[in-house]
Amino acid sequence: MKMAMIVNRFLRGVRGGYRASTVLFLIAMAPHLSSHQVVLRSDLVLVPVSVTDRRGQFVDGLRAKDFILYDDGQRRPIAFFSAETEAEHLSRPLAMILLLDASHSIAAILHEQQSAVASLLSVLGDRTMVSIVSFHQRPEVLLDFTADKDEALRAFLQRRRIGGNTAIFDALCFAIERLSAFPDADLRRVVVIISDGLDTASATDYRVCARAAQQEGIAVYPVWIPLYSPSGGRLKARRPTKGFIEVAKETGGKFFRVGTVKEALDPDAAVDLRPVFQAIIDDLRHQYYLGFYPLRNARPGFHRVRVTVKRKGVRVDVRRRGYLVQ
């Protein structure tokens, strides 16, 4: 199928404001699409799962026939299957938004993370589109989606407005909406949000963000750099706003905490985001992607997805709970 036909097919379901980004993404994917490849329908439901053994180690090497997928309790054929490899770069296309807290303490820490971010970007591969979004009371797009990793690194280090209240969940919903513009088929979409976790201004409940991410198959990876305050004669981390931790589990991502009290007290200590970024990449590398097509006459509303594995002694972590039929 020619590239123009692929673009036209996907653009039918893309909202106008994001068509330009979608076209750029599809053009970037063009060298990887050959005439003998099957182009997946845009109504494909993509379900990421990871499998671990009793020791919590990832189980690799499984194939499509090892999985059973259920849609509202009814077994469905697996129309698409993909597994990451241990290659140097991620092999499957990925759209990622780095969502950065613009509060003074967090912005200062992020500015010191050039090498960590460069390391993250270097392993994402040529098929990854990255966008940088800063937020305080409102989100600000520092960089639209691009495959240029050097440009992404420059945007990460760009001066951001600092001060004012922080609307984490408003910004998260904004990021999820931007990612929702990309087609589902064979594309992973993630938000990495780096913040102190203290939401003081959102008009949006975190559950709204979580539902939207669940419906679109978008995983959220919150990275918490806590602020500390005196309590009972010692410093204690200020707990993040409810939802900042929970949104990871509800969307199939993972939650990370960075830094210690000792580091917070030491003006010369440097918070290192490199282990967190590496853990996110490792998580993405050990996921299987199962795709299926909903029934043509599926009822409107939310449909639950369940996945099992034909192997004893393993645990299946389904990263997408379901999908929405309008």
C-alpha atoms as a PDB file:
ATOM      1  CA  MET A   1       0.000   0.000   0.000  1.00  0.00           C
ATOM      2  CA  LYS A   2       1.411   3.392  -0.972  1.00  0.00           C
ATOM      3  CA  MET A   3       2.298   5.957   1.675  1.00  0.00           C
ATOM      4  CA  ALA A   4      -0.434   8.359   0.564  1.00  0.00           C
ATOM      5  CA  MET A   5      -3.060   5.687   1.127  1.00  0.00           C
ATOM      6  CA  ILE A   6      -1.725   4.997   4.619  1.00  0.00           C
ATOM      7  CA  VAL A   7      -1.820   8.706   5.500  1.00  0.00           C
ATOM      8  CA  ASN A   8      -5.357   9.130   4.162  1.00  0.00           C
ATOM      9  CA  ARG A   9      -6.608   6.138   6.075  1.00  0.00           C
ATOM     10  CA  PHE A  10      -5.228   7.278   9.405  1.00  0.00           C
ATOM     11  CA  LEU A  11      -6.132  10.937   8.998  1.00  0.00           C
ATOM     12  CA  ARG A  12      -9.822  10.127   8.868  1.00  0.00           C
ATOM     13  CA  GLY A  13      -9.672   9.507  12.627  1.00  0.00           C
ATOM     14  CA  VAL A  14      -7.307  12.337  13.555  1.00  0.00           C
ATOM     15  CA  ARG A  15      -8.544  15.629  14.973  1.00  0.00           C
ATOM     16  CA  GLY A  16      -7.665  18.628  12.863  1.00  0.00           C
ATOM     17  CA  GLY A  17      -5.333  20.347  15.313  1.00  0.00           C
ATOM     18  CA  TYR A  18      -2.926  17.421  15.298  1.00  0.00           C
ATOM     19  CA  ARG A  19      -2.940  16.416  11.648  1.00  0.00           C
ATOM     20  CA  ALA A  20       0.370  18.064  10.904  1.00  0.00           C
ATOM     21  CA  SER A  21       2.145  16.124  13.670  1.00  0.00           C
ATOM     22  CA  THR A  22       0.527  12.888  12.502  1.00  0.00           C
ATOM     23  CA  VAL A  23       1.635  13.437   8.911  1.00  0.00           C
ATOM     24  CA  LEU A  24       5.199  14.127  10.063  1.00  0.00           C
ATOM     25  CA  PHE A  25       5.184  10.948  12.138  1.00  0.00           C
ATOM     26  CA  LEU A  26       3.934   8.802   9.257  1.00  0.00           C
ATOM     27  CA  ILE A  27       6.487  10.308   6.903  1.00  0.00           C
ATOM     28  CA  ALA A  28       9.208   9.489   9.437  1.00  0.00           C
ATOM     29  CA  MET A  29       7.969   5.888   9.435  1.00  0.00           C
ATOM     30  CA  ALA A  30       7.942   5.667   5.626  1.00  0.00           C
ATOM     31  CA  PRO A  31      11.396   4.064   5.194  1.00  0.00           C
ATOM     32  CA  HIS A  32      10.271   1.195   7.431  1.00  0.00           C
ATOM     33  CA  LEU A  33       7.119   0.417   5.414  1.00  0.00           C
ATOM     34  CA  SER A  34       7.665  -1.903   2.467  1.00  0.00           C
ATOM     35  CA  SER A  35       5.220  -2.985  -0.199  1.00  0.00           C
ATOM     36  CA  HIS A  36       4.799  -6.477   1.290  1.00  0.00           C
ATOM     37  CA  GLN A  37       3.967  -5.285   4.811  1.00  0.00           C
ATOM     38  CA  VAL A  38       0.388  -5.484   6.063  1.00  0.00           C
ATOM     39  CA  VAL A  39      -1.051  -2.129   7.085  1.00  0.00           C
ATOM     40  CA  LEU A  40      -3.128  -2.554  10.217  1.00  0.00           C
ATOM     41  CA  ARG A  41      -6.619  -1.111  10.486  1.00  0.00           C
ATOM     42  CA  SER A  42      -6.949   1.966  12.655  1.00  0.00           C
ATOM     43  CA  ASP A  43      -9.506   0.245  14.947  1.00  0.00           C
ATOM     44  CA  LEU A  44      -6.871  -2.218  16.154  1.00  0.00           C
ATOM     45  CA  VAL A  45      -6.784  -2.391  19.970  1.00  0.00           C
ATOM     46  CA  LEU A  46      -3.181  -2.713  21.087  1.00  0.00           C
ATOM     47  CA  VAL A  47      -2.616  -4.340  24.495  1.00  0.00           C
ATOM     48  CA  PRO A  48       0.879  -4.177  26.035  1.00  0.00           C
ATOM     49  CA  VAL A  49       1.710  -6.892  28.569  1.00  0.00           C
ATOM     50  CA  SER A  50       4.796  -7.982  30.460  1.00  0.00           C
ATOM     51  CA  VAL A  51       5.437 -11.441  31.877  1.00  0.00           C
ATOM     52  CA  THR A  52       7.559 -12.194  34.946  1.00  0.00           C
ATOM     53  CA  ASP A  53       8.588 -15.374  36.739  1.00  0.00           C
ATOM     54  CA  ARG A  54       8.397 -16.135  40.482  1.00  0.00           C
ATOM     55  CA  ARG A  55      11.592 -14.135  41.082  1.00  0.00           C
ATOM     56  CA  GLY A  56      10.164 -11.098  39.331  1.00  0.00           C
ATOM     57  CA  GLN A  57      12.446 -11.492  36.325  1.00  0.00           C
ATOM     58  CA  PHE A  58      11.092 -10.693  32.873  1.00  0.00           C
ATOM     59  CA  VAL A  59      10.195 -13.723  30.750  1.00  0.00           C
ATOM     60  CA  ASP A  60      11.308 -13.292  27.144  1.00  0.00           C
ATOM     61  CA  GLY A  61      10.923 -15.494  24.104  1.00  0.00           C
ATOM     62  CA  LEU A  62       7.142 -15.989  24.211  1.00  0.00           C
ATOM     63  CA  ARG A  63       5.146 -16.097  20.981  1.00  0.00           C
ATOM     64  CA  ALA A  64       1.600 -15.184  20.017  1.00  0.00           C
ATOM     65  CA  LYS A  65       0.413 -18.767  20.487  1.00  0.00           C
ATOM     66  CA  ASP A  66       1.483 -18.605  24.144  1.00  0.00           C
ATOM     67  CA  PHE A  67      -1.113 -15.926  24.931  1.00  0.00           C
ATOM     68  CA  ILE A  68      -4.905 -15.996  25.272  1.00  0.00           C
ATOM     69  CA  LEU A  69      -6.752 -12.686  25.011  1.00  0.00           C
ATOM     70  CA  TYR A  70     -10.290 -12.027  26.242  1.00  0.00           C
ATOM     71  CA  ASP A  71     -12.553  -9.118  25.337  1.00  0.00           C
ATOM     72  CA  ASP A  72     -15.285  -8.786  27.997  1.00  0.00           C
ATOM     73  CA  GLY A  73     -14.735 -12.449  28.822  1.00  0.00           C
ATOM     74  CA  GLN A  74     -14.946 -13.610  25.210  1.00  0.00           C
ATOM     75  CA  ARG A  75     -11.808 -15.064  23.655  1.00  0.00           C
ATOM     76  CA  ARG A  76     -10.613 -13.089  20.637  1.00  0.00           C
ATOM     77  CA  PRO A  77      -8.039 -13.967  17.968  1.00  0.00           C
ATOM     78  CA  ILE A  78      -4.732 -12.132  18.176  1.00  0.00           C
ATOM     79  CA  ALA A  79      -4.397 -10.176  14.917  1.00  0.00           C
ATOM     80  CA  PHE A  80      -1.083  -8.520  15.745  1.00  0.00           C
ATOM     81  CA  PHE A  81       1.875  -9.591  17.860  1.00  0.00           C
ATOM     82  CA  SER A  82       5.173  -7.881  18.581  1.00  0.00           C
ATOM     83  CA  ALA A  83       7.992  -8.437  21.066  1.00  0.00           C
ATOM     84  CA  GLU A  84      10.920  -6.146  21.715  1.00  0.00           C
ATOM     85  CA  THR A  85      14.438  -7.509  21.321  1.00  0.00           C
ATOM     86  CA  GLU A  86      17.582  -6.864  23.311  1.00  0.00           C
ATOM     87  CA  ALA A  87      18.911  -4.678  20.498  1.00  0.00           C
ATOM     88  CA  GLU A  88      20.761  -1.482  21.260  1.00  0.00           C
ATOM     89  CA  HIS A  89      17.759   0.600  20.225  1.00  0.00           C
ATOM     90  CA  LEU A  90      14.037   0.084  20.685  1.00  0.00           C
ATOM     91  CA  SER A  91      12.805  -1.660  17.556  1.00  0.00           C
ATOM     92  CA  ARG A  92       9.171  -0.536  17.500  1.00  0.00           C
ATOM     93  CA  PRO A  93       7.891   2.987  16.875  1.00  0.00           C
ATOM     94  CA  LEU A  94       7.307   5.068  19.983  1.00  0.00           C
ATOM     95  CA  ALA A  95       5.767   8.484  20.609  1.00  0.00           C
ATOM     96  CA  MET A  96       6.947   9.948  23.913  1.00  0.00           C
ATOM     97  CA  ILE A  97       6.147  13.186  25.725  1.00  0.00           C
ATOM     98  CA  LEU A  98       8.553  14.383  28.413  1.00  0.00           C
ATOM     99  CA  LEU A  99       6.298  16.414  30.722  1.00  0.00           C
ATOM    100  CA  LEU A 100       8.458  18.658  32.913  1.00  0.00           C
ATOM    101  CA  ASP A 101       7.479  20.484  36.098  1.00  0.00           C
ATOM    102  CA  ALA A 102       8.536  24.149  35.783  1.00  0.00           C
ATOM    103  CA  SER A 103       8.643  24.860  39.519  1.00  0.00           C
ATOM    104  CA  HIS A 104      11.936  26.376  40.652  1.00  0.00           C
ATOM    105  CA  SER A 105      13.308  23.363  42.559  1.00  0.00           C
ATOM    106  CA  ILE A 106      12.512  20.852  39.817  1.00  0.00           C
ATOM    107  CA  ALA A 107      13.642  23.065  36.932  1.00  0.00           C
ATOM    108  CA  ALA A 108      17.036  23.501  38.620  1.00  0.00           C
ATOM    109  CA  ILE A 109      17.451  19.744  38.991  1.00  0.00           C
ATOM    110  CA  LEU A 110      16.379  19.037  35.416  1.00  0.00           C
ATOM    111  CA  HIS A 111      18.864  21.523  34.026  1.00  0.00           C
ATOM    112  CA  GLU A 112      21.653  19.396  35.523  1.00  0.00           C
ATOM    113  CA  GLN A 113      20.438  16.255  33.775  1.00  0.00           C
ATOM    114  CA  GLN A 114      21.832  16.827  30.292  1.00  0.00           C
ATOM    115  CA  SER A 115      23.897  13.624  30.243  1.00  0.00           C
ATOM    116  CA  ALA A 116      21.030  11.546  31.644  1.00  0.00           C
ATOM    117  CA  VAL A 117      18.580  12.826  29.022  1.00  0.00           C
ATOM    118  CA  ALA A 118      21.156  12.384  26.266  1.00  0.00           C
ATOM    119  CA  SER A 119      21.596   8.762  27.392  1.00  0.00           C
ATOM    120  CA  LEU A 120      17.825   8.200  27.308  1.00  0.00           C
ATOM    121  CA  LEU A 121      17.423   9.697  23.849  1.00  0.00           C
ATOM    122  CA  SER A 122      20.340   7.698  22.472  1.00  0.00           C
ATOM    123  CA  VAL A 123      18.626   4.346  23.075  1.00  0.00           C
ATOM    124  CA  LEU A 124      15.183   5.340  21.812  1.00  0.00           C
ATOM    125  CA  GLY A 125      16.079   4.687  18.188  1.00  0.00           C
ATOM    126  CA  ASP A 126      15.244   6.399  14.910  1.00  0.00           C
ATOM    127  CA  ARG A 127      11.601   5.338  15.024  1.00  0.00           C
ATOM    128  CA  THR A 128      10.858   7.378  18.153  1.00  0.00           C
ATOM    129  CA  MET A 129       9.105  10.742  18.101  1.00  0.00           C
ATOM    130  CA  VAL A 130       9.743  12.935  21.163  1.00  0.00           C
ATOM    131  CA  SER A 131       7.902  16.040  22.347  1.00  0.00           C
ATOM    132  CA  ILE A 132       8.909  18.257  25.282  1.00  0.00           C
ATOM    133  CA  VAL A 133       6.186  19.964  27.331  1.00  0.00           C
ATOM    134  CA  SER A 134       6.783  22.197  30.358  1.00  0.00           C
ATOM    135  CA  PHE A 135       4.015  23.067  32.806  1.00  0.00           C
ATOM    136  CA  HIS A 136       3.146  25.256  35.757  1.00  0.00           C
ATOM    137  CA  GLN A 137      -0.397  26.670  35.786  1.00  0.00           C
ATOM    138  CA  ARG A 138      -0.656  25.820  32.080  1.00  0.00           C
ATOM    139  CA  PRO A 139       1.283  23.474  29.801  1.00  0.00           C
ATOM    140  CA  GLU A 140       3.713  24.956  27.295  1.00  0.00           C
ATOM    141  CA  VAL A 141       4.974  22.989  24.282  1.00  0.00           C
ATOM    142  CA  LEU A 142       8.727  23.530  24.099  1.00  0.00           C
ATOM    143  CA  LEU A 143       9.123  21.107  21.198  1.00  0.00           C
ATOM    144  CA  ASP A 144       6.565  19.457  18.953  1.00  0.00           C
ATOM    145  CA  PHE A 145       7.055  15.822  17.984  1.00  0.00           C
ATOM    146  CA  THR A 146      10.378  15.226  16.285  1.00  0.00           C
ATOM    147  CA  ALA A 147      12.698  12.331  15.535  1.00  0.00           C
ATOM    148  CA  ASP A 148      15.697  14.659  15.913  1.00  0.00           C
ATOM    149  CA  LYS A 149      17.198  13.671  19.278  1.00  0.00           C
ATOM    150  CA  ASP A 150      19.661  16.592  19.308  1.00  0.00           C
ATOM    151  CA  GLU A 151      16.754  18.993  18.899  1.00  0.00           C
ATOM    152  CA  ALA A 152      14.924  17.225  21.731  1.00  0.00           C
ATOM    153  CA  LEU A 153      17.925  17.602  24.026  1.00  0.00           C
ATOM    154  CA  ARG A 154      18.176  21.320  23.252  1.00  0.00           C
ATOM    155  CA  ALA A 155      14.482  21.760  24.041  1.00  0.00           C
ATOM    156  CA  PHE A 156      14.902  19.892  27.328  1.00  0.00           C
ATOM    157  CA  LEU A 157      17.503  22.432  28.381  1.00  0.00           C
ATOM    158  CA  GLN A 158      15.491  25.404  27.144  1.00  0.00           C
ATOM    159  CA  ARG A 159      14.711  28.100  29.710  1.00  0.00           C
ATOM    160  CA  ARG A 160      11.252  27.556  31.200  1.00  0.00           C
ATOM    161  CA  ARG A 161       9.000  29.985  32.984  1.00  0.00           C
ATOM    162  CA  ILE A 162       9.253  29.381  36.730  1.00  0.00           C
ATOM    163  CA  GLY A 163       6.815  30.219  39.484  1.00  0.00           C
ATOM    164  CA  GLY A 164       3.097  30.238  40.081  1.00  0.00           C
ATOM    165  CA  ASN A 165       0.862  27.323  40.885  1.00  0.00           C
ATOM    166  CA  THR A 166       1.306  23.825  39.471  1.00  0.00           C
ATOM    167  CA  ALA A 167      -1.442  22.039  37.544  1.00  0.00           C
ATOM    168  CA  ILE A 168      -0.064  18.518  37.090  1.00  0.00           C
ATOM    169  CA  PHE A 169      -3.224  16.745  36.007  1.00  0.00           C
ATOM    170  CA  ASP A 170      -4.317  19.490  33.612  1.00  0.00           C
ATOM    171  CA  ALA A 171      -0.918  19.148  31.949  1.00  0.00           C
ATOM    172  CA  LEU A 172      -1.126  15.351  31.947  1.00  0.00           C
ATOM    173  CA  CYS A 173      -4.519  15.399  30.221  1.00  0.00           C
ATOM    174  CA  PHE A 174      -3.064  17.851  27.703  1.00  0.00           C
ATOM    175  CA  ALA A 175      -0.216  15.426  26.964  1.00  0.00           C
ATOM    176  CA  ILE A 176      -2.592  12.472  26.656  1.00  0.00           C
ATOM    177  CA  GLU A 177      -4.755  14.394  24.197  1.00  0.00           C
ATOM    178  CA  ARG A 178      -1.713  15.197  22.058  1.00  0.00           C
ATOM    179  CA  LEU A 179      -0.675  11.547  21.997  1.00  0.00           C
ATOM    180  CA  SER A 180      -4.247  10.457  21.222  1.00  0.00           C
ATOM    181  CA  ALA A 181      -3.898  12.134  17.825  1.00  0.00           C
ATOM    182  CA  PHE A 182      -1.506   9.411  16.697  1.00  0.00           C
ATOM    183  CA  PRO A 183      -3.009   6.208  15.264  1.00  0.00           C
ATOM    184  CA  ASP A 184      -3.043   3.117  17.451  1.00  0.00           C
ATOM    185  CA  ALA A 185      -1.628   0.569  15.038  1.00  0.00           C
ATOM    186  CA  ASP A 186       1.875  -0.656  15.899  1.00  0.00           C
ATOM    187  CA  LEU A 187       2.682   2.480  17.898  1.00  0.00           C
ATOM    188  CA  ARG A 188       3.567   2.773  21.567  1.00  0.00           C
ATOM    189  CA  ARG A 189       2.682   6.016  23.327  1.00  0.00           C
ATOM    190  CA  VAL A 190       4.034   7.068  26.707  1.00  0.00           C
ATOM    191  CA  VAL A 191       4.201  10.105  28.977  1.00  0.00           C
ATOM    192  CA  VAL A 192       7.164  10.534  31.322  1.00  0.00           C
ATOM    193  CA  ILE A 193       6.199  13.185  33.877  1.00  0.00           C
ATOM    194  CA  ILE A 194       8.929  14.595  36.143  1.00  0.00           C
ATOM    195  CA  SER A 195       7.620  16.593  39.103  1.00  0.00           C
ATOM    196  CA  ASP A 196       7.562  17.114  42.857  1.00  0.00           C
ATOM    197  CA  GLY A 197       4.066  15.640  42.686  1.00  0.00           C
ATOM    198  CA  LEU A 198       2.342  18.591  44.394  1.00  0.00           C
ATOM    199  CA  ASP A 199      -0.654  19.648  42.335  1.00  0.00           C
ATOM    200  CA  THR A 200      -2.004  23.006  43.505  1.00  0.00           C
ATOM    201  CA  ALA A 201      -4.055  24.253  40.560  1.00  0.00           C
ATOM    202  CA  SER A 202      -5.584  21.495  38.400  1.00  0.00           C
ATOM    203  CA  ALA A 203      -9.212  21.746  37.414  1.00  0.00           C
ATOM    204  CA  THR A 204      -9.026  18.114  36.271  1.00  0.00           C
ATOM    205  CA  ASP A 205      -9.267  15.051  38.490  1.00  0.00           C
ATOM    206  CA  TYR A 206      -6.535  12.484  37.913  1.00  0.00           C
ATOM    207  CA  ARG A 207      -9.184   9.841  37.184  1.00  0.00           C
ATOM    208  CA  VAL A 208     -10.162  11.737  34.039  1.00  0.00           C
ATOM    209  CA  CYS A 209      -6.555  11.523  32.837  1.00  0.00           C
ATOM    210  CA  ALA A 210      -6.323   7.850  33.777  1.00  0.00           C
ATOM    211  CA  ARG A 211      -9.520   6.945  31.903  1.00  0.00           C
ATOM    212  CA  ALA A 212      -8.400   8.827  28.806  1.00  0.00           C
ATOM    213  CA  ALA A 213      -5.005   7.103  28.899  1.00  0.00           C
ATOM    214  CA  GLN A 214      -6.606   3.680  29.432  1.00  0.00           C
ATOM    215  CA  GLN A 215      -8.912   4.176  26.480  1.00  0.00           C
ATOM    216  CA  GLU A 216      -6.042   5.151  24.198  1.00  0.00           C
ATOM    217  CA  GLY A 217      -3.477   2.669  25.499  1.00  0.00           C
ATOM    218  CA  ILE A 218      -1.124   5.406  26.738  1.00  0.00           C
ATOM    219  CA  ALA A 219       1.247   4.514  29.591  1.00  0.00           C
ATOM    220  CA  VAL A 220       2.212   7.151  32.173  1.00  0.00           C
ATOM    221  CA  TYR A 221       5.553   6.990  34.005  1.00  0.00           C
ATOM    222  CA  PRO A 222       5.572   9.492  36.918  1.00  0.00           C
ATOM    223  CA  VAL A 223       9.025  10.381  38.260  1.00  0.00           C
ATOM    224  CA  TRP A 224       8.761  11.909  41.738  1.00  0.00           C
ATOM    225  CA  ILE A 225      11.496  14.257  42.970  1.00  0.00           C
ATOM    226  CA  PRO A 226      10.096  15.012  46.440  1.00  0.00           C
ATOM    227  CA  LEU A 227      10.272  18.232  48.388  1.00  0.00           C
ATOM    228  CA  TYR A 228      11.061  17.925  52.118  1.00  0.00           C
ATOM    229  CA  SER A 229       9.697  19.766  55.147  1.00  0.00           C
ATOM    230  CA  PRO A 230      10.371  19.521  58.918  1.00  0.00           C
ATOM    231  CA  SER A 231       8.189  17.099  60.841  1.00  0.00           C
ATOM    232  CA  GLY A 232       8.804  15.759  64.352  1.00  0.00           C
ATOM    233  CA  GLY A 233      12.366  17.005  64.422  1.00  0.00           C
ATOM    234  CA  ARG A 234      13.357  15.547  61.079  1.00  0.00           C
ATOM    235  CA  LEU A 235      12.786  16.122  57.393  1.00  0.00           C
ATOM    236  CA  LYS A 236      10.009  14.198  55.711  1.00  0.00           C
ATOM    237  CA  ALA A 237       9.054  14.065  52.058  1.00  0.00           C
ATOM    238  CA  ARG A 238       5.851  15.919  51.244  1.00  0.00           C
ATOM    239  CA  ARG A 239       3.516  13.288  49.897  1.00  0.00           C
ATOM    240  CA  PRO A 240       2.476  13.822  46.297  1.00  0.00           C
ATOM    241  CA  THR A 241      -1.097  14.749  45.481  1.00  0.00           C
ATOM    242  CA  LYS A 242      -3.408  11.727  45.294  1.00  0.00           C
ATOM    243  CA  GLY A 243      -3.349  10.365  41.789  1.00  0.00           C
ATOM    244  CA  PHE A 244       0.280  11.118  40.996  1.00  0.00           C
ATOM    245  CA  ILE A 245       1.324   7.621  42.068  1.00  0.00           C
ATOM    246  CA  GLU A 246      -1.953   5.893  41.201  1.00  0.00           C
ATOM    247  CA  VAL A 247      -2.003   7.016  37.564  1.00  0.00           C
ATOM    248  CA  ALA A 248       1.024   4.816  36.819  1.00  0.00           C
ATOM    249  CA  LYS A 249      -0.716   1.600  37.853  1.00  0.00           C
ATOM    250  CA  GLU A 250      -3.982   2.544  36.194  1.00  0.00           C
ATOM    251  CA  THR A 251      -2.333   3.243  32.828  1.00  0.00           C
ATOM    252  CA  GLY A 252       0.228   0.444  32.697  1.00  0.00           C
ATOM    253  CA  GLY A 253       3.270   2.594  33.457  1.00  0.00           C
ATOM    254  CA  LYS A 254       5.530   2.589  36.510  1.00  0.00           C
ATOM    255  CA  PHE A 255       6.159   5.020  39.365  1.00  0.00           C
ATOM    256  CA  PHE A 256       9.665   6.123  40.354  1.00  0.00           C
ATOM    257  CA  ARG A 257      11.023   8.079  43.309  1.00  0.00           C
ATOM    258  CA  VAL A 258      14.319   9.930  42.917  1.00  0.00           C
ATOM    259  CA  GLY A 259      16.546  11.379  45.638  1.00  0.00           C
ATOM    260  CA  THR A 260      16.942  10.985  49.410  1.00  0.00           C
ATOM    261  CA  VAL A 261      16.854  13.247  52.467  1.00  0.00           C
ATOM    262  CA  LYS A 262      20.653  13.089  52.615  1.00  0.00           C
ATOM    263  CA  GLU A 263      20.913  14.325  49.040  1.00  0.00           C
ATOM    264  CA  ALA A 264      18.341  17.043  49.743  1.00  0.00           C
ATOM    265  CA  LEU A 265      20.491  18.338  52.629  1.00  0.00           C
ATOM    266  CA  ASP A 266      23.712  18.247  50.624  1.00  0.00           C
ATOM    267  CA  PRO A 267      23.992  21.296  48.322  1.00  0.00           C
ATOM    268  CA  ASP A 268      26.679  19.499  46.312  1.00  0.00           C
ATOM    269  CA  ALA A 269      24.685  16.306  45.805  1.00  0.00           C
ATOM    270  CA  ALA A 270      23.355  15.716  42.283  1.00  0.00           C
ATOM    271  CA  VAL A 271      20.116  13.868  41.637  1.00  0.00           C
ATOM    272  CA  ASP A 272      20.731  11.274  38.939  1.00  0.00           C
ATOM    273  CA  LEU A 273      17.846  10.440  36.626  1.00  0.00           C
ATOM    274  CA  ARG A 274      19.887   7.947  34.616  1.00  0.00           C
ATOM    275  CA  PRO A 275      18.766   4.826  36.574  1.00  0.00           C
ATOM    276  CA  VAL A 276      15.122   5.897  36.207  1.00  0.00           C
ATOM    277  CA  PHE A 277      15.411   6.436  32.476  1.00  0.00           C
ATOM    278  CA  GLN A 278      17.182   3.083  32.123  1.00  0.00           C
ATOM    279  CA  ALA A 279      14.413   1.365  34.101  1.00  0.00           C
ATOM    280  CA  ILE A 280      11.784   2.874  31.789  1.00  0.00           C
ATOM    281  CA  ILE A 281      13.670   1.647  28.723  1.00  0.00           C
ATOM    282  CA  ASP A 282      14.057  -1.819  30.290  1.00  0.00           C
ATOM    283  CA  ASP A 283      10.333  -1.897  30.977  1.00  0.00           C
ATOM    284  CA  LEU A 284       9.533  -0.997  27.365  1.00  0.00           C
ATOM    285  CA  ARG A 285      12.043  -3.536  26.062  1.00  0.00           C
ATOM    286  CA  HIS A 286      10.393  -6.433  27.875  1.00  0.00           C
ATOM    287  CA  GLN A 287       6.824  -5.843  26.787  1.00  0.00           C
ATOM    288  CA  TYR A 288       4.769  -7.909  24.388  1.00  0.00           C
ATOM    289  CA  TYR A 289       2.141  -6.204  22.244  1.00  0.00           C
ATOM    290  CA  LEU A 290      -1.043  -8.063  21.414  1.00  0.00           C
ATOM    291  CA  GLY A 291      -3.505  -6.537  18.963  1.00  0.00           C
ATOM    292  CA  PHE A 292      -7.083  -7.519  18.252  1.00  0.00           C
ATOM    293  CA  TYR A 293     -10.074  -6.069  16.447  1.00  0.00           C
ATOM    294  CA  PRO A 294     -13.314  -5.438  18.378  1.00  0.00           C
ATOM    295  CA  LEU A 295     -16.505  -6.975  17.130  1.00  0.00           C
ATOM    296  CA  ARG A 296     -18.133  -4.883  14.429  1.00  0.00           C
ATOM    297  CA  ASN A 297     -21.349  -4.631  16.443  1.00  0.00           C
ATOM    298  CA  ALA A 298     -19.649  -4.053  19.819  1.00  0.00           C
ATOM    299  CA  ARG A 299     -21.857  -2.183  22.265  1.00  0.00           C
ATOM    300  CA  PRO A 300     -20.950   1.420  23.097  1.00  0.00           C
ATOM    301  CA  GLY A 301     -19.065   1.908  26.346  1.00  0.00           C
ATOM    302  CA  PHE A 302     -15.966   0.556  28.069  1.00  0.00           C
ATOM    303  CA  HIS A 303     -14.826  -3.007  27.324  1.00  0.00           C
ATOM    304  CA  ARG A 304     -12.532  -4.943  29.659  1.00  0.00           C
ATOM    305  CA  VAL A 305      -9.476  -6.800  28.342  1.00  0.00           C
ATOM    306  CA  ARG A 306      -7.823  -9.784  30.029  1.00  0.00           C
ATOM    307  CA  VAL A 307      -4.744 -11.769  28.988  1.00  0.00           C
ATOM    308  CA  THR A 308      -3.435 -15.126  30.214  1.00  0.00           C
ATOM    309  CA  VAL A 309      -0.329 -17.156  29.320  1.00  0.00           C
ATOM    310  CA  LYS A 310      -0.123 -20.890  28.660  1.00  0.00           C
ATOM    311  CA  ARG A 311       2.787 -21.335  31.048  1.00  0.00           C
ATOM    312  CA  LYS A 312       2.907 -22.191  34.731  1.00  0.00           C
ATOM    313  CA  GLY A 313       4.668 -20.128  37.360  1.00  0.00           C
ATOM    314  CA  VAL A 314       4.492 -16.786  35.595  1.00  0.00           C
ATOM    315  CA  ARG A 315       2.646 -13.537  36.234  1.00  0.00           C
ATOM    316  CA  VAL A 316       1.042 -11.505  33.465  1.00  0.00           C
ATOM    317  CA  ASP A 317       0.877  -7.743  33.879  1.00  0.00           C
ATOM    318  CA  VAL A 318      -1.690  -6.357  31.445  1.00  0.00           C
ATOM    319  CA  ARG A 319      -0.844  -2.712  30.797  1.00  0.00           C
ATOM    320  CA  ARG A 320      -4.165  -1.749  29.224  1.00  0.00           C
ATOM    321  CA  ARG A 321      -7.372  -2.505  31.080  1.00  0.00           C
ATOM    322  CA  GLY A 322      -9.737  -1.981  28.194  1.00  0.00           C
ATOM    323  CA  TYR A 323     -10.948   0.256  25.404  1.00  0.00           C
ATOM    324  CA  LEU A 324     -13.875   2.524  24.661  1.00  0.00           C
ATOM    325  CA  VAL A 325     -16.426   2.101  21.894  1.00  0.00           C
ATOM    326  CA  GLN A 326     -18.184   5.371  21.059  1.00  0.00           C
END
